[in-house]
Protein backbone atom coordinates (compact mmCIF):
# COMPACT_ATOMS: atom_id res chain seq x y z
CA MET A 1 0.08 -0.12 -0.29
CA PRO A 2 1.75 3.16 -1.15
CA ARG A 3 2.64 5.52 1.59
CA ILE A 4 0.98 9.66 1.46
CA THR A 5 4.01 11.60 2.33
CA PRO A 6 2.97 15.13 3.32
CA SER A 7 4.54 17.11 0.03
CA HIS A 8 1.92 14.37 -1.38
CA TRP A 9 -0.66 15.59 0.54
CA ALA A 10 -0.91 19.11 -0.71
CA ALA A 11 -0.68 17.83 -4.21
CA THR A 12 -3.71 15.64 -3.50
CA PHE A 13 -5.80 18.48 -1.66
CA ALA A 14 -5.30 20.76 -4.62
CA LEU A 15 -6.33 18.30 -6.97
CA ILE A 16 -9.26 17.41 -4.86
CA GLY A 17 -10.23 21.13 -4.61
CA ILE A 18 -9.83 21.74 -8.69
CA ALA A 19 -12.26 18.61 -9.26
CA VAL A 20 -14.61 20.46 -6.38
CA LEU A 21 -14.42 23.74 -7.93
CA SER A 22 -15.05 22.64 -11.54
CA LEU A 23 -18.18 20.61 -10.53
CA LEU A 24 -19.12 24.08 -8.67
CA SER A 25 -18.80 25.68 -11.78
CA CYS A 26 -20.03 23.15 -13.95
CA THR A 27 -23.31 23.02 -11.48
CA ASN A 28 -23.40 27.72 -11.81
CA ALA A 29 -23.11 27.40 -15.50
CA GLU A 30 -26.57 24.79 -15.87
CA THR A 31 -28.13 26.85 -13.52
CA ALA A 32 -28.03 30.42 -15.62
CA LEU A 33 -28.38 27.85 -18.74
CA THR A 34 -31.64 27.29 -16.96
CA ALA A 35 -32.31 30.46 -16.13
CA SER A 36 -31.44 32.60 -19.47
CA THR A 37 -33.84 29.56 -20.95
CA GLN A 38 -36.62 30.09 -18.88
CA GLU A 39 -36.57 34.16 -19.91
CA ASP A 40 -36.20 33.25 -23.19
CA ILE A 41 -39.04 30.94 -23.42
CA LEU A 42 -40.73 33.47 -22.17
CA LYS A 43 -39.83 36.53 -24.23
CA SER A 44 -40.56 34.12 -27.36
CA GLU A 45 -43.94 32.89 -26.78
CA ALA A 46 -45.53 34.37 -29.58
CA VAL A 47 -43.22 32.14 -32.25
CA PRO A 48 -44.43 28.99 -31.32
CA MET A 49 -48.15 30.57 -31.11
CA LEU A 50 -47.72 32.07 -34.69
CA ASP A 51 -46.44 28.60 -35.67
CA GLU A 52 -49.60 26.42 -34.31
CA ILE A 53 -51.67 29.07 -35.73
CA TYR A 54 -50.00 29.06 -39.64
CA ALA A 55 -49.84 25.59 -39.36
CA SER A 56 -53.81 25.04 -38.84
CA GLN A 57 -56.29 25.20 -41.42
CA LYS A 58 -55.29 27.57 -44.36
CA PRO A 59 -57.85 29.84 -45.17
CA PHE A 60 -58.96 29.86 -48.76
CA ARG A 61 -59.87 33.15 -50.66
CA PHE A 62 -61.50 35.72 -48.74
CA GLN A 63 -62.15 32.77 -45.55
CA GLN A 64 -61.41 34.24 -42.52
CA VAL A 65 -60.15 31.23 -39.46
CA ASP A 66 -61.44 32.10 -36.05
CA VAL A 67 -58.02 31.22 -34.14
CA SER A 68 -59.19 32.63 -30.73
CA SER A 69 -58.91 29.62 -28.41
CA ILE A 70 -55.55 29.48 -29.94
CA VAL A 71 -54.26 33.02 -29.15
CA SER A 72 -55.91 32.62 -25.70
CA ASN A 73 -54.18 29.82 -25.01
CA TYR A 74 -51.09 31.74 -25.26
CA ILE A 75 -52.15 34.70 -23.70
CA PRO A 76 -54.45 34.16 -21.36
CA LEU A 77 -57.51 36.59 -19.85
CA GLY A 78 -56.28 38.62 -17.49
CA THR A 79 -52.60 39.46 -19.26
CA ALA A 80 -51.05 42.82 -18.65
CA LYS A 81 -51.18 44.98 -21.87
CA ALA A 82 -47.13 44.83 -21.88
CA THR A 83 -46.45 41.74 -21.47
CA VAL A 84 -48.61 41.26 -24.86
CA LEU A 85 -46.83 44.06 -26.34
CA GLU A 86 -43.39 42.89 -25.24
CA MET A 87 -43.96 38.87 -26.00
CA VAL A 88 -45.66 39.57 -30.16
CA GLY A 89 -43.23 42.25 -30.35
CA LYS A 90 -40.23 39.62 -30.51
CA SER A 91 -41.22 38.55 -33.69
CA PRO A 92 -40.22 40.56 -36.47
CA THR A 93 -43.09 39.52 -38.57
CA SER A 94 -45.46 41.35 -36.04
CA LYS A 95 -46.50 45.08 -36.45
CA ILE A 96 -48.87 47.09 -33.96
CA VAL A 97 -51.82 48.24 -36.28
CA GLU A 98 -53.97 50.41 -32.90
CA ASP A 99 -52.61 50.51 -29.50
CA THR A 100 -55.45 52.33 -27.13
CA ALA A 101 -56.28 52.46 -23.15
CA GLY A 102 -59.15 49.74 -24.45
CA LYS A 103 -58.15 48.06 -27.60
CA LEU A 104 -54.81 46.53 -28.81
CA VAL A 105 -54.29 45.26 -33.05
CA ILE A 106 -52.02 43.54 -33.77
CA ARG A 107 -50.89 41.85 -36.96
CA ASP A 108 -48.68 39.03 -38.42
CA ASN A 109 -47.81 38.81 -42.11
CA LYS A 110 -46.11 35.67 -43.38
CA GLY A 111 -45.50 36.58 -47.16
CA GLN A 112 -46.58 39.28 -48.72
CA ALA A 113 -49.67 39.08 -51.33
CA MET A 114 -47.98 40.03 -54.50
CA LEU A 115 -44.51 38.32 -54.11
CA ASP A 116 -46.22 35.21 -52.24
CA PRO A 117 -48.57 32.86 -53.63
CA ASP A 118 -49.72 31.69 -50.09
CA ALA A 119 -48.98 34.62 -48.25
CA ARG A 120 -51.29 35.11 -45.22
CA SER A 121 -51.86 37.23 -42.26
CA ILE A 122 -52.83 36.35 -38.59
CA VAL A 123 -55.13 39.82 -36.89
CA MET A 124 -55.18 39.75 -33.27
CA THR A 125 -57.60 41.96 -31.13
CA PHE A 126 -57.42 42.13 -27.37
CA SER A 127 -60.04 44.22 -25.50
CA LEU A 128 -58.59 45.99 -22.30
CA ASN A 129 -59.94 47.23 -19.59
CA SER A 130 -59.16 50.36 -17.62
CA SER A 131 -56.16 48.81 -15.79
CA GLY A 132 -55.17 47.68 -19.22
CA LYS A 133 -55.85 43.68 -18.55
CA VAL A 134 -57.03 41.43 -21.76
CA THR A 135 -60.78 41.21 -21.04
CA HIS A 136 -61.71 39.46 -24.93
CA VAL A 137 -59.45 38.29 -27.30
CA TYR A 138 -60.56 38.02 -30.57
CA ALA A 139 -58.75 36.60 -33.65
CA VAL A 140 -58.55 35.56 -37.02
CA TYR A 141 -56.21 33.77 -39.51
CA ILE A 142 -56.41 35.05 -43.58
CA LYS A 143 -55.28 34.87 -46.52
CA ASN A 144 -53.77 37.88 -48.67
CA GLN A 145 -55.14 38.73 -51.60
């Protein structure tokens, strides 16, 4: 059995210290990654919502498909106006059409009517109460002409 001399003790403790520190840094990095991932999910929640709507039944000609239930799953009643603006504002294809104290209208365009034969849009209308919370959601999925 090998004997550990005092000079080897220092080396042994140094190696143990390095191993513990590297494990701690991995744990901290994983915690930071998890926190930033959760924050990114909250910020980009509009993208999965829009993807789900665009993957649903496509409108034909002048048809308007009611997608209010899908939007309500992602933006429930009682959500603050600022949260809706932040969430949907992260999408590069979304545009705020109307922003008043009692109403918020957002339009998301996928393609342009003259350039893309499959250009489609989602128009989301949020009714707001006096404290700026969503009280009603109406959203339609339309084909651009």
